Amino acid sequence: MNEKEKQEVREAVEAANIAFEHLENAKSYLDSASRWGIVDIVTAGSLISGISKHRKMSKAEQEMEEAKLALDRFSQKLKDVQGFAPIHVGDFLKFADIFFDGLLVDVLTLSKIDKAKEQCVFAMLQVDEIRYKLLTYSSQKSYYGGETNGK
């Protein structure tokens, strides 16, 4: 593997790390929003729990927007690595655009938060899998002197 190829893999891995971090942050905020949502239901909609829930949801939304941008950059970096197809951001985060529209009922809100968390975890798994393949690819190419099939 030549130096340019190594650099392309490093850049793709770094882009994966950034995307993963935003997804992880979003999931954390969604977890917190979910907990506050339960408190909101139990306390019959207290002001503090409602504000806290919506604050966490707002932060989750910001992280999801950052994750979309980071996943797009990750996809661009994957194009530079031979043998890796770019990812499609829409496949990872279809829910992000509709998740934060019209949250009227607390139970529905919790359901949407849970769905968003599932999608976030799925995206994290996909990014982590591709990141692992990039690192394995890089190691194999280095070990076999540029050949990935061991010849």
C-alpha atoms as a PDB file:
ATOM      1  CA  MET A   1       0.000   0.000   0.000  1.00  0.00           C
ATOM      2  CA  ASN A   2       1.554   3.274  -1.052  1.00  0.00           C
ATOM      3  CA  GLU A   3       1.563   6.419   1.078  1.00  0.00           C
ATOM      4  CA  LYS A   4      -1.345   8.015  -0.795  1.00  0.00           C
ATOM      5  CA  GLU A   5      -3.532   4.940  -0.229  1.00  0.00           C
ATOM      6  CA  LYS A   6      -2.601   4.899   3.456  1.00  0.00           C
ATOM      7  CA  GLN A   7      -3.531   8.567   3.732  1.00  0.00           C
ATOM      8  CA  GLU A   8      -6.903   7.950   2.046  1.00  0.00           C
ATOM      9  CA  VAL A   9      -7.670   5.135   4.502  1.00  0.00           C
ATOM     10  CA  ARG A  10      -6.616   7.308   7.468  1.00  0.00           C
ATOM     11  CA  GLU A  11      -8.879  10.120   6.265  1.00  0.00           C
ATOM     12  CA  ALA A  12     -11.818   7.734   5.819  1.00  0.00           C
ATOM     13  CA  VAL A  13     -11.287   6.262   9.298  1.00  0.00           C
ATOM     14  CA  GLU A  14     -11.096   9.755  10.807  1.00  0.00           C
ATOM     15  CA  ALA A  15     -14.325  10.714   9.015  1.00  0.00           C
ATOM     16  CA  ALA A  16     -15.930   7.529  10.382  1.00  0.00           C
ATOM     17  CA  ASN A  17     -14.775   8.441  13.886  1.00  0.00           C
ATOM     18  CA  ILE A  18     -16.333  11.898  13.640  1.00  0.00           C
ATOM     19  CA  ALA A  19     -19.628  10.536  12.282  1.00  0.00           C
ATOM     20  CA  PHE A  20     -19.722   7.873  14.986  1.00  0.00           C
ATOM     21  CA  GLU A  21     -19.108  10.483  17.689  1.00  0.00           C
ATOM     22  CA  HIS A  22     -22.049  12.607  16.507  1.00  0.00           C
ATOM     23  CA  LEU A  23     -24.296   9.549  16.335  1.00  0.00           C
ATOM     24  CA  GLU A  24     -23.201   8.510  19.813  1.00  0.00           C
ATOM     25  CA  ASN A  25     -23.902  12.013  21.158  1.00  0.00           C
ATOM     26  CA  ALA A  26     -27.321  12.043  19.492  1.00  0.00           C
ATOM     27  CA  LYS A  27     -28.179   8.686  21.043  1.00  0.00           C
ATOM     28  CA  SER A  28     -27.107   9.945  24.456  1.00  0.00           C
ATOM     29  CA  TYR A  29     -29.369  12.999  24.137  1.00  0.00           C
ATOM     30  CA  LEU A  30     -32.206  10.778  22.928  1.00  0.00           C
ATOM     31  CA  ASP A  31     -31.724   8.496  25.948  1.00  0.00           C
ATOM     32  CA  SER A  32     -31.928  11.523  28.216  1.00  0.00           C
ATOM     33  CA  ALA A  33     -34.971  12.912  26.376  1.00  0.00           C
ATOM     34  CA  SER A  34     -36.655   9.539  26.782  1.00  0.00           C
ATOM     35  CA  ARG A  35     -36.042   9.540  30.536  1.00  0.00           C
ATOM     36  CA  TRP A  36     -37.384  13.104  30.806  1.00  0.00           C
ATOM     37  CA  GLY A  37     -40.372  12.049  28.699  1.00  0.00           C
ATOM     38  CA  ILE A  38     -41.238   9.349  31.213  1.00  0.00           C
ATOM     39  CA  VAL A  39     -40.905  11.867  34.050  1.00  0.00           C
ATOM     40  CA  ASP A  40     -43.110  14.225  32.035  1.00  0.00           C
ATOM     41  CA  ILE A  41     -45.835  11.575  31.801  1.00  0.00           C
ATOM     42  CA  VAL A  42     -45.553  10.535  35.463  1.00  0.00           C
ATOM     43  CA  THR A  43     -45.691  14.142  36.693  1.00  0.00           C
ATOM     44  CA  ALA A  44     -48.574  14.998  34.354  1.00  0.00           C
ATOM     45  CA  GLY A  45     -46.517  17.386  32.281  1.00  0.00           C
ATOM     46  CA  SER A  46     -44.517  19.385  34.793  1.00  0.00           C
ATOM     47  CA  LEU A  47     -42.823  22.462  33.409  1.00  0.00           C
ATOM     48  CA  ILE A  48     -39.323  21.318  34.382  1.00  0.00           C
ATOM     49  CA  SER A  49     -39.638  17.859  32.842  1.00  0.00           C
ATOM     50  CA  GLY A  50     -41.202  19.250  29.668  1.00  0.00           C
ATOM     51  CA  ILE A  51     -38.493  21.869  29.219  1.00  0.00           C
ATOM     52  CA  SER A  52     -35.752  19.351  29.989  1.00  0.00           C
ATOM     53  CA  LYS A  53     -37.162  16.831  27.511  1.00  0.00           C
ATOM     54  CA  HIS A  54     -37.410  19.398  24.729  1.00  0.00           C
ATOM     55  CA  ARG A  55     -33.931  20.756  25.482  1.00  0.00           C
ATOM     56  CA  LYS A  56     -32.475  17.241  25.118  1.00  0.00           C
ATOM     57  CA  MET A  57     -34.466  16.686  21.942  1.00  0.00           C
ATOM     58  CA  SER A  58     -33.133  19.948  20.541  1.00  0.00           C
ATOM     59  CA  LYS A  59     -29.569  18.884  21.301  1.00  0.00           C
ATOM     60  CA  ALA A  60     -30.250  15.483  19.720  1.00  0.00           C
ATOM     61  CA  GLU A  61     -31.547  17.237  16.612  1.00  0.00           C
ATOM     62  CA  GLN A  62     -28.365  19.331  16.414  1.00  0.00           C
ATOM     63  CA  GLU A  63     -26.221  16.216  16.740  1.00  0.00           C
ATOM     64  CA  MET A  64     -28.263  14.429  14.063  1.00  0.00           C
ATOM     65  CA  GLU A  65     -27.694  17.334  11.682  1.00  0.00           C
ATOM     66  CA  GLU A  66     -23.965  17.176  12.443  1.00  0.00           C
ATOM     67  CA  ALA A  67     -24.082  13.395  11.969  1.00  0.00           C
ATOM     68  CA  LYS A  68     -25.672  13.845   8.542  1.00  0.00           C
ATOM     69  CA  LEU A  69     -22.882  16.208   7.499  1.00  0.00           C
ATOM     70  CA  ALA A  70     -20.229  13.901   8.948  1.00  0.00           C
ATOM     71  CA  LEU A  71     -21.741  10.859   7.216  1.00  0.00           C
ATOM     72  CA  ASP A  72     -21.757  12.757   3.947  1.00  0.00           C
ATOM     73  CA  ARG A  73     -18.056  13.581   4.417  1.00  0.00           C
ATOM     74  CA  PHE A  74     -17.398   9.940   5.345  1.00  0.00           C
ATOM     75  CA  SER A  75     -19.105   8.847   2.133  1.00  0.00           C
ATOM     76  CA  GLN A  76     -16.925  11.236   0.130  1.00  0.00           C
ATOM     77  CA  LYS A  77     -13.778   9.875   1.792  1.00  0.00           C
ATOM     78  CA  LEU A  78     -14.834   6.281   1.074  1.00  0.00           C
ATOM     79  CA  LYS A  79     -14.914   7.109  -2.639  1.00  0.00           C
ATOM     80  CA  ASP A  80     -11.163   7.746  -2.432  1.00  0.00           C
ATOM     81  CA  VAL A  81     -10.409   4.289  -1.015  1.00  0.00           C
ATOM     82  CA  GLN A  82     -10.146   1.604  -3.680  1.00  0.00           C
ATOM     83  CA  GLY A  83     -12.683  -1.176  -3.165  1.00  0.00           C
ATOM     84  CA  PHE A  84     -15.099   0.797  -0.960  1.00  0.00           C
ATOM     85  CA  ALA A  85     -18.425   2.094  -2.179  1.00  0.00           C
ATOM     86  CA  PRO A  86     -19.731   5.352  -0.743  1.00  0.00           C
ATOM     87  CA  ILE A  87     -22.525   5.154   1.801  1.00  0.00           C
ATOM     88  CA  HIS A  88     -25.876   6.826   1.281  1.00  0.00           C
ATOM     89  CA  VAL A  89     -26.624   9.183   4.152  1.00  0.00           C
ATOM     90  CA  GLY A  90     -30.348   8.928   3.546  1.00  0.00           C
ATOM     91  CA  ASP A  91     -30.226   5.202   4.243  1.00  0.00           C
ATOM     92  CA  PHE A  92     -28.801   5.864   7.697  1.00  0.00           C
ATOM     93  CA  LEU A  93     -30.878   8.764   8.893  1.00  0.00           C
ATOM     94  CA  LYS A  94     -34.200   8.731   7.079  1.00  0.00           C
ATOM     95  CA  PHE A  95     -36.021   9.534  10.274  1.00  0.00           C
ATOM     96  CA  ALA A  96     -34.087  12.679  11.218  1.00  0.00           C
ATOM     97  CA  ASP A  97     -36.060  15.043   9.001  1.00  0.00           C
ATOM     98  CA  ILE A  98     -39.465  13.948  10.257  1.00  0.00           C
ATOM     99  CA  PHE A  99     -38.583  13.103  13.841  1.00  0.00           C
ATOM    100  CA  PHE A 100     -38.778  16.616  15.199  1.00  0.00           C
ATOM    101  CA  ASP A 101     -41.931  17.713  13.355  1.00  0.00           C
ATOM    102  CA  GLY A 102     -45.209  17.954  15.225  1.00  0.00           C
ATOM    103  CA  LEU A 103     -44.465  16.288  18.547  1.00  0.00           C
ATOM    104  CA  LEU A 104     -47.857  16.756  20.184  1.00  0.00           C
ATOM    105  CA  VAL A 105     -48.502  13.852  22.489  1.00  0.00           C
ATOM    106  CA  ASP A 106     -45.963  12.709  25.089  1.00  0.00           C
ATOM    107  CA  VAL A 107     -46.505   8.988  24.474  1.00  0.00           C
ATOM    108  CA  LEU A 108     -46.034   9.501  20.737  1.00  0.00           C
ATOM    109  CA  THR A 109     -42.947  11.542  21.546  1.00  0.00           C
ATOM    110  CA  LEU A 110     -41.478   8.642  23.508  1.00  0.00           C
ATOM    111  CA  SER A 111     -42.276   6.292  20.643  1.00  0.00           C
ATOM    112  CA  LYS A 112     -40.536   8.609  18.189  1.00  0.00           C
ATOM    113  CA  ILE A 113     -37.551   8.967  20.516  1.00  0.00           C
ATOM    114  CA  ASP A 114     -37.267   5.166  20.746  1.00  0.00           C
ATOM    115  CA  LYS A 115     -37.463   4.853  16.945  1.00  0.00           C
ATOM    116  CA  ALA A 116     -34.794   7.539  16.555  1.00  0.00           C
ATOM    117  CA  LYS A 117     -32.559   5.727  19.045  1.00  0.00           C
ATOM    118  CA  GLU A 118     -32.954   2.478  17.083  1.00  0.00           C
ATOM    119  CA  GLN A 119     -32.013   4.238  13.850  1.00  0.00           C
ATOM    120  CA  CYS A 120     -29.073   5.907  15.564  1.00  0.00           C
ATOM    121  CA  VAL A 121     -27.769   2.580  16.884  1.00  0.00           C
ATOM    122  CA  PHE A 122     -28.214   1.025  13.429  1.00  0.00           C
ATOM    123  CA  ALA A 123     -26.209   3.863  11.857  1.00  0.00           C
ATOM    124  CA  MET A 124     -23.516   3.495  14.520  1.00  0.00           C
ATOM    125  CA  LEU A 125     -23.233  -0.232  13.779  1.00  0.00           C
ATOM    126  CA  GLN A 126     -22.949   0.432  10.044  1.00  0.00           C
ATOM    127  CA  VAL A 127     -20.260   3.104  10.506  1.00  0.00           C
ATOM    128  CA  ASP A 128     -18.367   0.871  12.928  1.00  0.00           C
ATOM    129  CA  GLU A 129     -18.513  -2.069  10.498  1.00  0.00           C
ATOM    130  CA  ILE A 130     -17.169   0.010   7.611  1.00  0.00           C
ATOM    131  CA  ARG A 131     -14.489   1.519   9.866  1.00  0.00           C
ATOM    132  CA  TYR A 132     -13.405  -2.007  10.867  1.00  0.00           C
ATOM    133  CA  LYS A 133     -13.269  -3.065   7.206  1.00  0.00           C
ATOM    134  CA  LEU A 134     -11.141  -0.009   6.402  1.00  0.00           C
ATOM    135  CA  LEU A 135      -8.689  -0.843   9.163  1.00  0.00           C
ATOM    136  CA  THR A 136      -8.582  -4.516   8.128  1.00  0.00           C
ATOM    137  CA  TYR A 137      -8.131  -3.540   4.482  1.00  0.00           C
ATOM    138  CA  SER A 138      -5.271  -1.237   5.401  1.00  0.00           C
ATOM    139  CA  SER A 139      -3.573  -3.927   7.499  1.00  0.00           C
ATOM    140  CA  GLN A 140      -3.928  -6.602   4.821  1.00  0.00           C
ATOM    141  CA  LYS A 141      -2.588  -4.362   2.070  1.00  0.00           C
ATOM    142  CA  SER A 142       0.402  -3.447   4.229  1.00  0.00           C
ATOM    143  CA  TYR A 143       1.048  -7.066   5.239  1.00  0.00           C
ATOM    144  CA  TYR A 144       0.800  -8.484   1.729  1.00  0.00           C
ATOM    145  CA  GLY A 145       2.703  -5.657   0.096  1.00  0.00           C
ATOM    146  CA  GLY A 146      -0.231  -4.082  -1.703  1.00  0.00           C
ATOM    147  CA  GLU A 147      -2.255  -7.206  -2.477  1.00  0.00           C
ATOM    148  CA  THR A 148      -5.439  -7.863  -0.508  1.00  0.00           C
ATOM    149  CA  ASN A 149      -5.861 -11.474  -1.598  1.00  0.00           C
ATOM    150  CA  GLY A 150      -2.631 -12.749  -0.075  1.00  0.00           C
ATOM    151  CA  LYS A 151      -0.747 -13.314  -3.364  1.00  0.00           C
END
